[in-house]
Protein backbone atom coordinates (compact mmCIF):
# COMPACT_ATOMS: atom_id res chain seq x y z
CA MET A 1 -29.86 22.57 -118.94
CA GLU A 2 -26.20 22.50 -118.26
CA ALA A 3 -24.03 25.04 -116.02
CA THR A 4 -22.79 27.98 -118.74
CA SER A 5 -18.96 28.15 -118.64
CA PRO A 6 -17.20 30.94 -117.63
CA ASP A 7 -15.58 31.65 -120.98
CA SER A 8 -19.33 32.06 -122.29
CA LEU A 9 -20.92 34.88 -120.34
CA ALA A 10 -21.25 38.31 -121.14
CA GLY A 11 -22.75 41.34 -119.52
CA THR A 12 -20.78 41.03 -115.74
CA THR A 13 -22.04 43.66 -113.78
CA HIS A 14 -21.18 44.77 -109.61
CA ARG A 15 -24.47 46.15 -108.15
CA THR A 16 -23.38 46.65 -104.08
CA THR A 17 -21.54 49.92 -103.32
CA PRO A 18 -18.18 48.49 -101.59
CA SER A 19 -17.56 48.54 -98.17
CA PRO A 20 -15.08 51.27 -96.88
CA PRO A 21 -11.17 49.56 -96.26
CA GLY A 22 -10.98 47.46 -93.36
CA SER A 23 -9.37 47.75 -89.80
CA SER A 24 -6.42 48.67 -89.87
CA ALA A 25 -3.43 46.17 -89.14
CA ALA A 26 -2.68 47.53 -85.75
CA LEU A 27 -6.60 47.55 -84.57
CA ILE A 28 -6.86 43.84 -85.74
CA GLU A 29 -3.92 42.95 -84.13
CA ARG A 30 -5.37 44.40 -80.87
CA GLU A 31 -8.43 43.32 -80.84
CA THR A 32 -8.19 39.89 -82.93
CA PRO A 33 -4.74 38.75 -82.90
CA ILE A 34 -6.10 35.36 -84.22
CA LEU A 35 -7.00 36.43 -87.39
CA SER A 36 -2.95 37.92 -87.69
CA PRO A 37 -2.02 35.57 -90.09
CA LEU A 38 -4.92 36.57 -92.42
CA LEU A 39 -3.01 40.60 -92.79
CA ALA A 40 -0.74 41.94 -95.15
CA SER A 41 1.71 42.51 -92.50
CA SER A 42 2.35 38.98 -91.94
CA PRO A 43 5.45 37.35 -93.23
CA ARG A 44 3.53 35.02 -95.22
CA PRO A 45 -0.33 36.29 -95.85
CA LEU A 46 -3.05 34.08 -96.39
CA SER A 47 -5.37 36.92 -97.69
CA PRO A 48 -3.41 40.08 -97.68
CA ASP A 49 -6.30 42.24 -99.62
CA LEU A 50 -9.43 40.55 -97.41
CA LYS A 51 -11.14 43.36 -95.19
CA ILE A 52 -11.78 42.42 -91.82
CA TYR A 53 -13.49 44.55 -89.45
CA THR A 54 -13.44 44.60 -85.44
CA LEU A 55 -15.71 46.03 -82.58
CA SER A 56 -14.51 49.24 -82.41
CA ASP A 57 -14.13 50.34 -86.35
CA PRO A 58 -16.80 52.52 -87.54
CA THR A 59 -17.82 50.57 -90.34
CA PHE A 60 -18.56 47.32 -87.96
CA LYS A 61 -21.77 48.68 -86.27
CA THR A 62 -23.28 49.57 -90.41
CA LEU A 63 -22.21 46.06 -91.40
CA ASN A 64 -23.69 44.45 -87.90
CA THR A 65 -26.86 45.22 -88.92
CA TYR A 66 -29.67 42.92 -89.88
CA PHE A 67 -33.44 42.71 -90.93
CA HIS A 68 -34.93 41.83 -86.85
CA LEU A 69 -33.88 44.38 -85.35
CA ASP A 70 -33.61 42.30 -82.16
CA LEU A 71 -30.38 40.65 -83.16
CA SER A 72 -27.57 42.74 -81.92
CA PRO A 73 -24.64 40.05 -81.93
CA GLN A 74 -20.95 40.84 -80.84
CA PRO A 75 -18.65 38.73 -83.27
CA LEU A 76 -14.89 38.12 -82.91
CA ALA A 77 -14.89 40.19 -86.22
CA ILE A 78 -16.69 40.66 -89.78
CA LEU A 79 -15.01 39.42 -92.69
CA ARG A 80 -16.03 41.09 -96.02
CA PRO A 81 -14.57 38.84 -99.26
CA THR A 82 -14.64 40.51 -102.71
CA SER A 83 -13.74 36.71 -104.36
CA SER A 84 -13.81 32.69 -104.07
CA GLU A 85 -10.24 32.73 -103.32
CA GLN A 86 -10.69 34.70 -100.56
CA VAL A 87 -13.73 32.69 -99.06
CA SER A 88 -11.20 29.76 -99.62
CA HIS A 89 -8.66 31.37 -97.23
CA ILE A 90 -11.46 32.72 -94.42
CA ILE A 91 -12.91 28.98 -94.62
CA SER A 92 -9.31 27.01 -94.44
CA PHE A 93 -8.08 29.38 -91.43
CA ALA A 94 -10.94 28.96 -89.74
CA THR A 95 -11.47 25.31 -89.81
CA SER A 96 -7.79 24.64 -88.79
CA ASN A 97 -7.72 27.03 -86.18
CA GLU A 98 -11.15 25.85 -84.76
CA ILE A 99 -12.57 29.62 -84.90
CA PRO A 100 -16.80 29.26 -85.10
CA PHE A 101 -18.12 30.78 -88.19
CA THR A 102 -21.09 31.55 -89.80
CA VAL A 103 -21.74 33.27 -93.50
CA ARG A 104 -24.35 36.53 -94.62
CA CYS A 105 -25.76 37.79 -97.36
CA GLY A 106 -28.97 39.45 -96.74
CA GLY A 107 -29.57 38.91 -92.95
CA HIS A 108 -33.38 38.07 -92.89
CA ASP A 109 -33.28 34.95 -90.93
CA SER A 110 -34.97 36.08 -87.73
CA TRP A 111 -33.49 33.32 -85.63
CA GLY A 112 -29.80 34.64 -85.89
CA ARG A 113 -27.85 32.22 -87.47
CA SER A 114 -26.24 34.54 -89.64
CA ALA A 115 -25.78 36.96 -86.47
CA VAL A 116 -23.50 34.84 -84.00
CA SER A 117 -21.57 36.24 -80.70
CA GLY A 118 -18.34 35.61 -80.85
CA ALA A 119 -17.93 33.79 -84.18
CA LEU A 120 -16.45 34.85 -87.34
CA ILE A 121 -19.07 36.76 -90.07
CA ILE A 122 -18.70 36.21 -93.25
CA ASP A 123 -20.42 38.96 -95.35
CA LEU A 124 -21.15 37.70 -98.33
CA ARG A 125 -22.45 41.00 -100.14
CA GLU A 126 -19.85 41.97 -102.33
CA LEU A 127 -19.49 38.85 -104.11
CA ASP A 128 -22.30 40.25 -106.40
CA GLU A 129 -21.65 39.85 -109.81
CA ILE A 130 -24.21 39.06 -112.17
CA THR A 131 -23.93 37.54 -115.09
CA LEU A 132 -26.53 36.80 -118.04
CA SER A 133 -25.53 33.89 -120.27
CA PRO A 134 -25.36 34.56 -123.97
CA ASP A 135 -28.59 32.96 -125.01
CA ARG A 136 -30.22 34.61 -122.14
CA LYS A 137 -31.84 31.65 -120.31
CA SER A 138 -29.60 32.08 -117.02
CA VAL A 139 -27.62 34.18 -115.02
CA ARG A 140 -24.33 33.31 -112.97
CA ILE A 141 -25.18 34.92 -109.54
CA GLY A 142 -22.62 35.97 -106.84
CA GLY A 143 -23.49 34.19 -103.57
CA GLY A 144 -24.32 38.06 -102.29
CA VAL A 145 -26.45 38.75 -104.73
CA ILE A 146 -29.31 40.69 -102.90
CA SER A 147 -33.25 39.29 -104.68
CA GLY A 148 -33.60 43.33 -105.68
CA ASN A 149 -30.33 43.97 -107.24
CA LEU A 150 -31.28 40.78 -109.77
CA THR A 151 -34.80 42.04 -110.85
CA ASN A 152 -33.68 44.86 -111.79
CA PHE A 153 -30.30 43.82 -113.49
CA LEU A 154 -33.31 41.48 -115.39
CA ALA A 155 -35.52 44.15 -116.23
CA PRO A 156 -33.51 45.85 -119.09
CA HIS A 157 -33.17 42.63 -120.70
CA GLY A 158 -37.24 41.89 -120.37
CA LEU A 159 -36.49 38.76 -118.54
CA VAL A 160 -37.40 37.30 -114.65
CA ALA A 161 -35.61 35.09 -112.23
CA VAL A 162 -38.37 33.33 -109.97
CA GLN A 163 -37.63 35.80 -106.52
CA GLY A 164 -39.81 36.04 -103.51
CA GLY A 165 -41.84 39.05 -101.93
CA CYS A 166 -39.12 41.05 -100.20
CA SER A 167 -36.56 42.23 -102.26
CA SER A 168 -33.71 43.00 -99.58
CA VAL A 169 -33.53 39.34 -98.94
CA GLY A 170 -30.49 37.41 -99.94
CA TYR A 171 -31.06 35.33 -103.12
CA THR A 172 -29.20 32.04 -102.58
CA ASN A 173 -30.56 31.14 -98.96
CA TRP A 174 -33.98 31.79 -100.14
CA ALA A 175 -33.97 29.57 -102.96
CA ALA A 176 -31.84 27.16 -101.82
CA THR A 177 -34.49 26.50 -98.77
CA GLY A 178 -37.46 26.51 -100.90
CA GLY A 179 -38.11 29.58 -102.64
CA TYR A 180 -41.42 31.00 -101.96
CA GLY A 181 -42.91 33.48 -104.49
CA THR A 182 -45.88 34.83 -106.77
CA LEU A 183 -43.81 33.18 -109.80
CA ASN A 184 -43.91 29.44 -108.27
CA GLY A 185 -46.95 28.69 -110.25
CA ARG A 186 -46.07 29.39 -113.83
CA PHE A 187 -41.83 28.51 -113.44
CA GLY A 188 -41.67 26.46 -109.78
CA MET A 189 -39.97 26.87 -106.57
CA GLY A 190 -36.86 29.09 -106.23
CA CYS A 191 -35.00 25.88 -105.54
CA ASP A 192 -36.07 24.45 -109.01
CA GLN A 193 -34.08 27.44 -110.73
CA ILE A 194 -30.69 26.15 -109.68
CA PHE A 195 -28.88 24.30 -112.28
CA GLY A 196 -25.56 24.61 -111.07
CA ALA A 197 -22.79 26.21 -108.05
CA ARG A 198 -19.71 26.84 -106.83
CA ILE A 199 -18.91 25.89 -103.37
CA VAL A 200 -16.23 26.43 -100.87
CA ASN A 201 -16.15 23.28 -98.82
CA GLY A 202 -15.14 22.79 -95.20
CA LYS A 203 -11.07 22.52 -96.31
CA GLY A 204 -11.09 25.50 -97.96
CA GLU A 205 -11.73 23.73 -102.07
CA VAL A 206 -13.66 25.65 -104.43
CA VAL A 207 -15.56 22.80 -105.83
CA ASP A 208 -18.59 22.77 -108.56
CA ALA A 209 -21.46 21.05 -107.15
CA ASN A 210 -22.23 17.70 -108.54
CA GLU A 211 -25.72 16.25 -109.34
CA GLU A 212 -26.18 14.89 -105.56
CA MET A 213 -24.96 17.99 -104.22
CA LEU A 214 -27.36 19.91 -106.55
CA TRP A 215 -30.10 17.87 -105.26
CA GLY A 216 -29.12 19.00 -101.51
CA LEU A 217 -28.86 21.88 -102.26
CA ARG A 218 -32.11 22.48 -104.15
CA GLY A 219 -34.69 22.50 -100.78
CA GLY A 220 -31.62 21.66 -98.16
CA GLY A 221 -30.02 25.09 -97.71
CA CYS A 222 -26.35 26.16 -97.99
CA ASN A 223 -25.50 23.32 -95.47
CA PHE A 224 -22.55 21.61 -97.33
CA GLY A 225 -20.12 24.63 -97.96
CA VAL A 226 -20.50 28.30 -98.15
CA VAL A 227 -22.12 29.08 -102.43
CA VAL A 228 -19.75 31.58 -103.76
CA SER A 229 -22.15 31.47 -106.81
CA LEU A 230 -25.55 29.83 -108.82
CA ASP A 231 -26.49 29.40 -111.87
CA VAL A 232 -30.45 30.06 -111.71
CA LYS A 233 -32.85 29.81 -114.75
CA VAL A 234 -34.53 33.28 -116.03
CA TYR A 235 -37.57 33.76 -118.21
CA SER A 236 -39.06 36.17 -120.84
CA LEU A 237 -41.31 38.17 -119.39
CA GLU A 238 -41.79 41.80 -120.76
CA LYS A 239 -45.18 42.54 -118.98
CA MET A 240 -47.43 41.02 -116.36
CA LEU A 241 -50.67 42.30 -114.25
CA ALA A 242 -50.05 43.08 -111.22
CA GLY A 243 -51.47 45.20 -108.21
CA LEU A 244 -53.78 45.46 -104.80
CA VAL A 245 -57.05 44.56 -105.01
CA ALA A 246 -59.03 44.71 -101.31
CA PHE A 247 -62.34 43.52 -99.92
CA PRO A 248 -63.98 44.72 -96.32
CA ILE A 249 -62.58 42.81 -93.48
CA THR A 250 -66.34 42.73 -92.49
CA GLU A 251 -67.04 40.51 -95.86
CA ALA A 252 -63.58 38.24 -95.47
CA ARG A 253 -65.11 35.43 -94.59
CA GLU A 254 -67.73 35.27 -97.22
CA VAL A 255 -65.03 36.60 -100.14
CA LEU A 256 -62.36 33.77 -98.78
CA LEU A 257 -65.27 31.01 -98.67
CA LYS A 258 -66.31 32.28 -102.66
CA TYR A 259 -62.25 32.15 -103.19
CA GLY A 260 -62.06 28.65 -102.58
CA GLU A 261 -64.51 27.15 -104.61
CA VAL A 262 -62.77 29.17 -107.35
CA ILE A 263 -59.36 27.94 -106.53
CA LYS A 264 -60.91 24.54 -106.17
CA ASP A 265 -61.68 24.50 -109.79
CA GLY A 266 -58.05 24.94 -110.69
CA CYS A 267 -55.88 28.10 -110.35
CA PRO A 268 -54.33 29.32 -113.43
CA ASP A 269 -50.27 28.56 -113.50
CA ALA A 270 -50.15 32.51 -114.25
CA TYR A 271 -51.64 33.23 -111.00
CA GLY A 272 -49.33 34.57 -108.01
CA GLY A 273 -51.65 33.11 -105.95
CA LEU A 274 -50.92 35.48 -102.99
CA MET A 275 -53.36 37.60 -100.44
CA GLY A 276 -53.03 38.95 -96.87
CA LEU A 277 -55.14 39.92 -93.90
CA MET A 278 -53.77 43.59 -92.29
CA ALA A 279 -54.31 47.12 -92.23
CA ILE A 280 -54.31 49.46 -94.64
CA PRO A 281 -53.72 53.32 -93.80
CA GLY A 282 -56.55 55.25 -94.69
CA VAL A 283 -58.26 52.00 -95.54
CA GLY A 284 -58.36 49.77 -92.67
CA THR A 285 -58.21 46.40 -92.01
CA VAL A 286 -58.77 44.37 -95.12
CA LEU A 287 -58.31 41.63 -97.21
CA MET A 288 -55.97 42.22 -99.82
CA PHE A 289 -55.53 40.27 -102.86
CA MET A 290 -51.53 40.92 -104.22
CA PHE A 291 -52.61 39.97 -107.77
CA ASN A 292 -50.30 39.13 -110.31
CA TRP A 293 -50.33 37.33 -113.82
CA ALA A 294 -47.28 36.04 -115.18
CA ARG A 295 -47.59 35.74 -118.81
CA GLU A 296 -48.25 37.96 -121.68
CA ASP A 297 -51.70 36.57 -122.35
CA LEU A 298 -52.81 39.41 -120.55
CA GLU A 299 -56.36 38.39 -121.51
CA ALA A 300 -56.95 35.61 -120.26
CA GLY A 301 -55.41 37.71 -116.66
CA TRP A 302 -57.80 39.84 -116.98
CA GLN A 303 -60.78 37.53 -117.46
CA PHE A 304 -59.52 35.89 -114.06
CA LEU A 305 -59.07 38.73 -112.15
CA GLU A 306 -62.75 39.37 -113.19
CA LYS A 307 -63.81 36.45 -111.21
CA LEU A 308 -61.82 37.64 -107.61
CA ARG A 309 -63.55 41.26 -108.27
CA GLY A 310 -66.35 39.31 -108.23
CA LEU A 311 -66.17 38.02 -104.90
CA GLY A 312 -67.23 41.06 -103.12
CA LYS A 313 -67.40 44.84 -102.39
CA VAL A 314 -63.88 45.52 -104.01
CA VAL A 315 -62.77 49.19 -101.99
CA MET A 316 -59.29 49.14 -103.72
CA ASP A 317 -58.08 48.30 -106.82
CA THR A 318 -55.27 48.75 -108.43
CA VAL A 319 -54.21 46.31 -111.07
CA LYS A 320 -52.65 47.14 -114.05
CA GLU A 321 -50.27 46.24 -116.87
CA THR A 322 -46.66 46.59 -115.70
CA THR A 323 -43.44 44.92 -115.30
CA LEU A 324 -41.98 43.01 -112.53
CA ALA A 325 -39.67 45.24 -111.24
CA SER A 326 -42.47 47.71 -110.98
CA TRP A 327 -44.65 45.52 -108.91
CA THR A 328 -41.45 44.83 -106.49
CA GLU A 329 -41.05 48.42 -105.19
CA VAL A 330 -45.06 47.99 -105.06
CA GLY A 331 -44.47 44.71 -102.61
CA LYS A 332 -41.18 47.23 -100.48
CA ALA A 333 -44.13 48.83 -98.56
CA PHE A 334 -45.26 45.22 -97.06
CA SER A 335 -41.71 43.84 -96.75
CA PRO A 336 -39.71 46.63 -94.34
CA THR A 337 -35.83 46.70 -94.11
CA PHE A 338 -36.08 46.61 -90.52
CA ILE A 339 -37.84 45.45 -88.11
CA TYR A 340 -38.49 43.66 -84.88
CA THR A 341 -40.24 40.14 -85.36
CA ASN A 342 -41.50 37.02 -85.06
CA ILE A 343 -42.59 35.47 -88.43
CA ARG A 344 -44.02 32.09 -87.87
CA THR A 345 -45.11 29.65 -90.26
CA ALA A 346 -47.79 27.08 -91.27
CA TYR A 347 -48.97 24.76 -93.74
CA VAL A 348 -52.77 24.23 -94.21
CA LYS A 349 -54.45 22.09 -96.93
CA GLU A 350 -57.40 24.20 -97.97
CA LEU A 351 -59.46 27.14 -97.28
CA SER A 352 -61.66 25.51 -94.52
CA ASP A 353 -64.48 26.60 -92.86
CA PRO A 354 -62.54 25.98 -89.81
CA PHE A 355 -58.98 27.42 -90.95
CA ILE A 356 -60.73 31.01 -92.11
CA ASP A 357 -62.48 30.98 -88.83
CA LEU A 358 -59.24 31.20 -87.35
CA LEU A 359 -57.83 33.69 -89.77
CA LEU A 360 -60.34 35.86 -88.57
CA LYS A 361 -60.82 35.56 -84.72
CA HIS A 362 -56.47 36.14 -85.05
CA ILE A 363 -56.73 39.34 -87.09
CA GLU A 364 -59.36 40.85 -84.63
CA LYS A 365 -56.68 40.23 -81.72
CA ILE A 366 -54.18 41.96 -83.40
CA PRO A 367 -51.87 44.14 -81.21
CA ALA A 368 -52.44 47.90 -81.47
CA GLY A 369 -49.78 49.67 -82.97
CA THR A 370 -48.24 46.84 -84.46
CA LYS A 371 -47.85 45.76 -88.02
CA ALA A 372 -48.73 42.42 -87.57
CA MET A 373 -50.44 40.56 -90.43
CA PHE A 374 -51.30 37.59 -92.08
CA ILE A 375 -49.79 36.60 -95.44
CA VAL A 376 -51.38 33.73 -97.38
CA HIS A 377 -49.93 31.86 -100.23
CA VAL A 378 -52.06 29.07 -102.34
CA VAL A 379 -49.40 27.40 -103.57
CA HIS A 380 -50.43 25.64 -107.13
CA GLY A 381 -49.40 24.65 -110.58
CA GLN A 382 -45.60 24.29 -111.02
CA ALA A 383 -44.50 24.66 -107.64
CA ALA A 384 -47.01 21.47 -106.55
CA ARG A 385 -45.49 19.16 -108.96
CA PRO A 386 -42.83 16.24 -107.96
CA VAL A 387 -39.36 17.24 -108.84
CA LEU A 388 -36.96 14.33 -108.07
CA SER A 389 -33.86 15.96 -108.55
CA SER A 390 -34.75 18.24 -105.54
CA CYS A 391 -34.95 17.74 -101.52
CA PHE A 392 -37.67 19.91 -100.76
CA GLY A 393 -40.34 17.78 -99.14
CA MET A 394 -43.70 19.91 -100.09
CA ARG A 395 -45.01 19.34 -103.53
CA GLU A 396 -48.30 19.02 -103.52
CA PRO A 397 -51.01 21.86 -103.47
CA HIS A 398 -51.17 23.81 -100.25
CA ILE A 399 -51.98 26.87 -98.23
CA TRP A 400 -49.08 28.39 -96.98
CA VAL A 401 -49.15 30.63 -94.07
CA GLY A 402 -46.90 33.52 -92.92
CA ILE A 403 -47.92 34.44 -89.78
CA HIS A 404 -46.12 38.20 -88.99
CA GLY A 405 -45.95 39.48 -85.43
CA GLN A 406 -44.22 42.58 -86.41
CA THR A 407 -43.92 45.91 -85.50
CA LEU A 408 -41.30 48.98 -86.08
CA ASP A 409 -41.81 49.82 -81.91
CA LYS A 410 -39.63 47.88 -79.60
CA SER A 411 -41.88 48.73 -76.95
CA ASN A 412 -44.73 46.95 -78.10
CA SER A 413 -42.67 43.61 -79.51
CA HIS A 414 -43.67 41.14 -77.11
CA GLU A 415 -47.17 41.61 -77.66
CA ALA A 416 -46.22 40.85 -81.71
CA TYR A 417 -43.92 37.84 -80.81
CA ALA A 418 -47.23 36.58 -78.51
CA TRP A 419 -49.88 37.25 -81.24
CA SER A 420 -48.02 34.74 -83.58
CA ASP A 421 -47.20 32.02 -81.14
CA ALA A 422 -51.04 32.34 -80.41
CA VAL A 423 -51.31 31.39 -83.65
CA VAL A 424 -49.43 28.74 -84.20
CA GLU A 425 -50.94 26.85 -81.14
CA ASP A 426 -54.10 27.46 -81.95
CA LEU A 427 -53.93 25.89 -85.69
CA LYS A 428 -51.85 23.17 -83.50
CA ALA A 429 -54.97 22.61 -81.55
CA ALA A 430 -57.60 22.86 -83.97
CA GLY A 431 -55.45 20.02 -86.60
CA LEU A 432 -55.03 22.48 -89.30
CA MET A 433 -51.50 21.88 -90.10
CA MET A 434 -50.35 19.76 -92.46
CA ASN A 435 -46.92 17.51 -91.15
CA GLY A 436 -43.56 19.75 -91.51
CA GLY A 437 -42.94 22.92 -92.22
CA TYR A 438 -41.39 25.86 -94.20
CA VAL A 439 -37.58 25.49 -93.31
CA GLY A 440 -36.26 28.86 -94.66
CA LEU A 441 -38.64 30.35 -91.60
CA MET A 442 -37.95 28.27 -89.32
CA GLU A 443 -36.76 28.21 -85.34
CA GLY A 444 -32.97 26.47 -85.37
CA ASN A 445 -34.25 24.19 -82.76
CA GLU A 446 -37.72 22.96 -84.46
CA PRO A 447 -36.73 19.24 -85.86
CA VAL A 448 -36.91 19.73 -89.67
CA ASP A 449 -37.34 15.81 -90.63
CA GLU A 450 -40.67 15.64 -91.29
CA CYS A 451 -40.03 18.73 -93.85
CA PHE A 452 -38.44 16.76 -96.21
CA GLY A 453 -40.75 13.59 -95.98
CA ASP A 454 -39.06 10.58 -98.00
CA ASN A 455 -35.69 12.53 -98.54
CA TRP A 456 -34.54 13.59 -94.81
CA GLU A 457 -32.55 9.89 -94.52
CA ARG A 458 -30.68 10.66 -97.63
CA LEU A 459 -29.73 14.67 -96.71
CA LYS A 460 -28.34 13.68 -93.57
CA GLU A 461 -26.40 11.23 -95.24
CA LEU A 462 -25.05 13.85 -97.85
CA LYS A 463 -24.99 16.43 -94.71
CA LYS A 464 -22.23 13.67 -93.16
CA ASN A 465 -20.74 12.74 -95.94
CA LEU A 466 -20.11 16.61 -97.35
CA ASP A 467 -19.69 18.14 -94.08
CA PRO A 468 -18.22 15.31 -91.75
CA LYS A 469 -17.22 17.88 -88.78
CA LEU A 470 -20.06 19.92 -88.72
CA ASP A 471 -17.90 23.18 -89.51
CA PHE A 472 -20.84 24.64 -91.27
CA LYS A 473 -23.46 24.46 -88.31
CA HIS A 474 -24.81 27.48 -88.52
CA THR A 475 -27.13 27.22 -91.20
CA VAL A 476 -30.79 27.61 -92.46
CA PRO A 477 -32.06 24.45 -92.02
CA SER A 478 -30.38 23.45 -89.51
CA LEU A 479 -29.50 19.78 -90.57
CA LEU A 480 -28.16 18.30 -87.27
């Protein structure tokens, strides 16, 4: 698929409410004089309309919030560009003056790489244009588009894009780091949807990504510059099956063993493959299948669902014909906008007895009063097939485990964090973890070479060639 030219695009909309005007020139010159050359009052302003927010500006606190509530950075300033030209001015100014910076969109990196104290934070959320191509097979999205906004934009057209389970995440880096979600089996990983990108490099140049850059962007994250727009594939899907199917935790072992046999026979590509072990108010601790069937042949979906319903005693069943946009709204109950969190992940080969026993052992140890839980994704279909045009390393059937040590109460956050750490240590000790891991959720100091396998040396060389001065060092993943 060729990148869509700007002249052929149609239907542009803006999805983010603009932030208030930036700090006054006097406030900027008093609090961050190093940024004065960017101001309209400068003799030769570099970006006179750029919105800059300094520490004492009332808007600063609103913008300086992140998914992980423990993050409380004190950046030099927050800059909110509204065009690729403004991003270009910011980057060329910052790199030439050796001012550290980072880039944020949804602000979901739990390890704070988009929330760096003492640095400029380039907040892309107003680079939020979404444009559907005339052939309805792709969209061009701004680098600051939030996933849920893309879903809602496409819904009236009967279209979907591959997306994750959290609607408030920034789409660009979610896709660029791999992009797990319940449409992977049918359409591939999030990174496989990218077929074009516009990037601002360390010199401030606005460039269209060539094939080598796109190879690195598909799985290697936004490591080579600021991604100001992406061209991504979209698909027709006007209706689907989706809903929750829960079994009591007392039956979880038997259900999971039977489920393991079902998926050994092969998962249909249309099946989402997502489940969780968690506490549901009014129901109790359950094994919950977040069932979805992403194909308009609904009869086949109902037939596969019957296999799952037959695994044990169903205590909740909400599956119905619906749309992706409506299903995404249901998912918000499991993905709060703000939370204290320590998300750890692991790759596991299969639903083996030892793995199931480990899950059930630790579900009993979830600290009281927390929202800790397991999310378990059976990755199959298109997501588990080799893609040579991507550097993403995990291209075989596997189990992706999200270990969410999280809570809404800061007073028990350390208990929740310790719980997820203990699960990872037990997985390692039991020899259940596959090599590598999901780079989109790994800590900054964790080595990522095994995550990319045979692609690692080529990816390192690409980083060296495209970012020789390491201007883009606060990135997910870290390729330093």
